[in-house]
Amino acid sequence: DGVSYSVDSTTMTDELGLGWSFITFVETSEYRITANKIGMISFLSYLLLEIIGSFAMILIANKMIGPLGEISRHLTEIGEGNFKSELNGKHLSGKDEIGEIARAANKMKHSLQKLLEHVNHIARHDYLTNLPNRRFFIDKLTEELTAKRPGAVFLLDINNFKMVNDTMGHFIGDAL
């Protein structure tokens, strides 16, 4: 009749040891329809899983990238000397790796701020006496002159003090 058939046979043995053979005749077009349905269902399932997976990845990435971007901006501001920069409290209280990074960045900010203050103090004060030095004087004088404030400068010089250091030693000169 012009219809093609697919033949499938299966052999089974029952409890009594008798063998049974089953022969199935199915029109080939039915196989194609079934195969097409299975293929379409598989493709749509795959597509749905891809969409769900992509959506999940976007959510996870946003959850991670958002805080990391904020921490990065915070560190950049610290690097530029802006120690007033603050991180969001929720990042600092987080119990995950991002919270650890945020707390480390905050700790680094405070350590760098203290270090910078110490370096500025050392640069502008005498090590021995802790009195303001020439750099401090020039900065302060420039500030006062720029503001056009009236004032006076008093200069005190100890003549021949180098001779005390040279003859009696720097230890005595420092104590004096």
Protein backbone atom coordinates (compact mmCIF):
# COMPACT_ATOMS: atom_id res chain seq x y z
CA ASP A 1 0.00 0.00 0.00
CA GLY A 2 3.06 2.32 -0.25
CA VAL A 3 3.37 2.81 3.52
CA SER A 4 6.71 2.00 5.06
CA TYR A 5 6.93 0.24 8.37
CA SER A 6 9.59 -0.05 11.05
CA VAL A 7 9.95 -3.46 12.62
CA ASP A 8 11.16 -4.04 16.14
CA SER A 9 11.49 -7.40 17.88
CA THR A 10 12.02 -8.20 21.54
CA THR A 11 12.72 -11.62 23.05
CA MET A 12 11.88 -12.40 26.65
CA THR A 13 11.97 -15.53 28.82
CA ASP A 14 9.32 -16.17 31.45
CA GLU A 15 9.54 -18.02 34.82
CA LEU A 16 9.04 -21.38 33.18
CA GLY A 17 11.89 -20.82 30.78
CA LEU A 18 9.65 -20.35 27.78
CA GLY A 19 10.91 -17.80 25.27
CA TRP A 20 8.58 -15.27 23.81
CA SER A 21 9.25 -13.04 20.85
CA PHE A 22 7.34 -9.88 20.23
CA ILE A 23 7.38 -8.29 16.86
CA THR A 24 6.09 -4.74 16.50
CA PHE A 25 5.16 -3.09 13.23
CA VAL A 26 4.87 0.69 13.35
CA GLU A 27 4.46 3.06 10.47
CA THR A 28 7.66 4.99 9.92
CA SER A 29 5.74 8.27 9.86
CA GLU A 30 4.62 7.62 13.47
CA TYR A 31 8.24 7.22 14.50
CA ARG A 32 9.09 10.50 12.83
CA ILE A 33 6.19 12.29 14.55
CA THR A 34 7.22 10.87 17.93
CA ALA A 35 10.89 11.66 17.31
CA ASN A 36 10.00 15.20 16.26
CA LYS A 37 7.91 15.67 19.42
CA ILE A 38 10.73 14.35 21.61
CA GLY A 39 13.21 16.58 19.79
CA MET A 40 11.02 19.65 20.19
CA ILE A 41 10.41 18.92 23.89
CA SER A 42 14.17 18.43 24.40
CA PHE A 43 15.00 21.67 22.58
CA LEU A 44 12.39 23.68 24.50
CA SER A 45 13.56 22.17 27.81
CA TYR A 46 17.14 23.10 26.97
CA LEU A 47 16.11 26.62 25.97
CA LEU A 48 14.12 27.08 29.19
CA LEU A 49 17.07 25.87 31.29
CA GLU A 50 19.40 28.26 29.44
CA ILE A 51 17.08 31.20 30.13
CA ILE A 52 16.70 30.28 33.81
CA GLY A 53 20.45 29.70 34.13
CA SER A 54 21.28 33.02 32.45
CA PHE A 55 18.84 34.87 34.68
CA ALA A 56 20.34 33.22 37.77
CA MET A 57 23.87 34.14 36.62
CA ILE A 58 22.84 37.77 36.10
CA LEU A 59 21.35 37.93 39.60
CA ILE A 60 24.45 36.37 41.15
CA ALA A 61 26.78 38.61 39.14
CA ASN A 62 24.87 41.75 40.16
CA LYS A 63 24.96 40.69 43.80
CA MET A 64 28.74 40.35 43.58
CA ILE A 65 29.71 43.06 41.10
CA GLY A 66 27.66 45.82 42.72
CA PRO A 67 29.46 45.64 46.09
CA LEU A 68 32.85 45.05 44.45
CA GLY A 69 32.35 48.15 42.30
CA GLU A 70 31.54 50.19 45.40
CA ILE A 71 34.60 48.82 47.24
CA SER A 72 36.74 49.59 44.18
CA ARG A 73 35.49 53.21 44.09
CA HIS A 74 36.15 53.47 47.85
CA LEU A 75 39.73 52.23 47.43
CA THR A 76 40.30 54.62 44.51
CA GLU A 77 39.16 57.57 46.65
CA ILE A 78 41.48 56.46 49.46
CA GLY A 79 44.32 56.24 46.93
CA GLU A 80 43.58 59.84 45.95
CA GLY A 81 43.81 60.91 49.61
CA ASN A 82 40.06 61.18 50.33
CA PHE A 83 39.81 59.54 53.75
CA LYS A 84 36.22 60.79 54.20
CA SER A 85 35.03 58.07 51.82
CA GLU A 86 32.75 55.58 53.59
CA LEU A 87 31.52 52.12 52.65
CA ASN A 88 27.91 51.02 52.90
CA GLY A 89 27.27 49.45 56.31
CA LYS A 90 25.64 46.35 54.81
CA HIS A 91 28.90 45.51 53.02
CA LEU A 92 30.89 45.85 56.25
CA SER A 93 28.52 43.59 58.18
CA GLY A 94 28.38 40.87 55.52
CA LYS A 95 29.59 37.44 56.59
CA ASP A 96 30.82 36.48 53.11
CA GLU A 97 34.06 37.20 51.24
CA ILE A 98 32.76 40.58 50.08
CA GLY A 99 32.20 41.56 53.72
CA GLU A 100 35.78 40.49 54.50
CA ILE A 101 37.11 42.60 51.62
CA ALA A 102 35.02 45.59 52.75
CA ARG A 103 36.27 45.31 56.34
CA ALA A 104 39.88 44.96 55.13
CA ALA A 105 39.46 48.05 52.91
CA ASN A 106 38.05 50.02 55.85
CA LYS A 107 40.89 48.89 58.14
CA MET A 108 43.42 49.84 55.46
CA LYS A 109 41.82 53.29 55.17
CA HIS A 110 42.19 53.94 58.90
CA SER A 111 45.77 52.60 58.97
CA LEU A 112 46.78 54.73 55.97
CA GLN A 113 45.13 57.79 57.48
CA LYS A 114 47.08 57.36 60.75
CA LEU A 115 50.30 56.71 58.83
CA LEU A 116 49.82 59.79 56.66
CA GLU A 117 49.14 61.95 59.71
CA HIS A 118 52.31 60.58 61.34
CA VAL A 119 54.41 61.18 58.19
CA ASN A 120 53.05 64.74 57.90
CA HIS A 121 53.89 65.38 61.55
CA ILE A 122 57.43 64.03 61.12
CA ALA A 123 57.93 66.12 57.97
CA ARG A 124 56.84 69.33 59.71
CA HIS A 125 58.36 68.93 63.20
CA ASP A 126 61.86 68.55 64.59
CA TYR A 127 62.61 64.98 65.65
CA LEU A 128 64.50 65.96 68.81
CA THR A 129 62.35 68.78 70.19
CA ASN A 130 59.05 68.05 68.41
CA LEU A 131 58.90 71.79 67.68
CA PRO A 132 57.66 73.00 64.27
CA ASN A 133 60.50 73.04 61.71
CA ARG A 134 61.37 75.22 58.71
CA ARG A 135 58.88 73.40 56.43
CA PHE A 136 56.07 74.07 58.95
CA PHE A 137 57.18 77.71 59.18
CA ILE A 138 57.18 78.18 55.38
CA ASP A 139 53.75 76.49 55.03
CA LYS A 140 52.27 78.61 57.83
CA LEU A 141 53.86 81.81 56.52
CA THR A 142 52.52 81.09 53.01
CA GLU A 143 49.07 80.44 54.46
CA GLU A 144 49.07 83.69 56.44
CA LEU A 145 50.41 85.76 53.52
CA THR A 146 47.84 84.24 51.13
CA ALA A 147 45.06 85.14 53.57
CA LYS A 148 46.59 88.69 53.82
CA ARG A 149 46.54 88.58 57.61
CA PRO A 150 48.80 91.05 59.44
CA GLY A 151 51.59 89.52 61.53
CA ALA A 152 55.26 89.51 62.46
CA VAL A 153 58.15 87.06 62.27
CA PHE A 154 60.54 86.60 65.20
CA LEU A 155 63.90 84.91 64.55
CA LEU A 156 66.08 83.41 67.27
CA ASP A 157 69.60 82.21 66.45
CA ILE A 158 72.22 80.80 68.76
CA ASN A 159 75.65 81.90 67.55
CA ASN A 160 78.47 79.36 67.37
CA PHE A 161 76.22 76.47 68.41
CA LYS A 162 78.00 74.31 65.84
CA MET A 163 81.13 74.63 67.99
CA VAL A 164 79.27 73.01 70.94
CA ASN A 165 78.31 70.03 68.78
CA ASP A 166 81.78 69.77 67.25
CA THR A 167 83.73 69.96 70.52
CA MET A 168 81.42 68.35 73.07
CA GLY A 169 79.45 66.05 70.76
CA HIS A 170 75.93 66.00 69.39
CA PHE A 171 74.65 64.25 72.53
CA ILE A 172 75.57 67.31 74.65
CA GLY A 173 74.28 69.71 71.95
CA ASP A 174 70.98 67.81 71.86
CA ALA A 175 70.68 67.90 75.64
CA LEU A 176 71.47 71.61 75.68
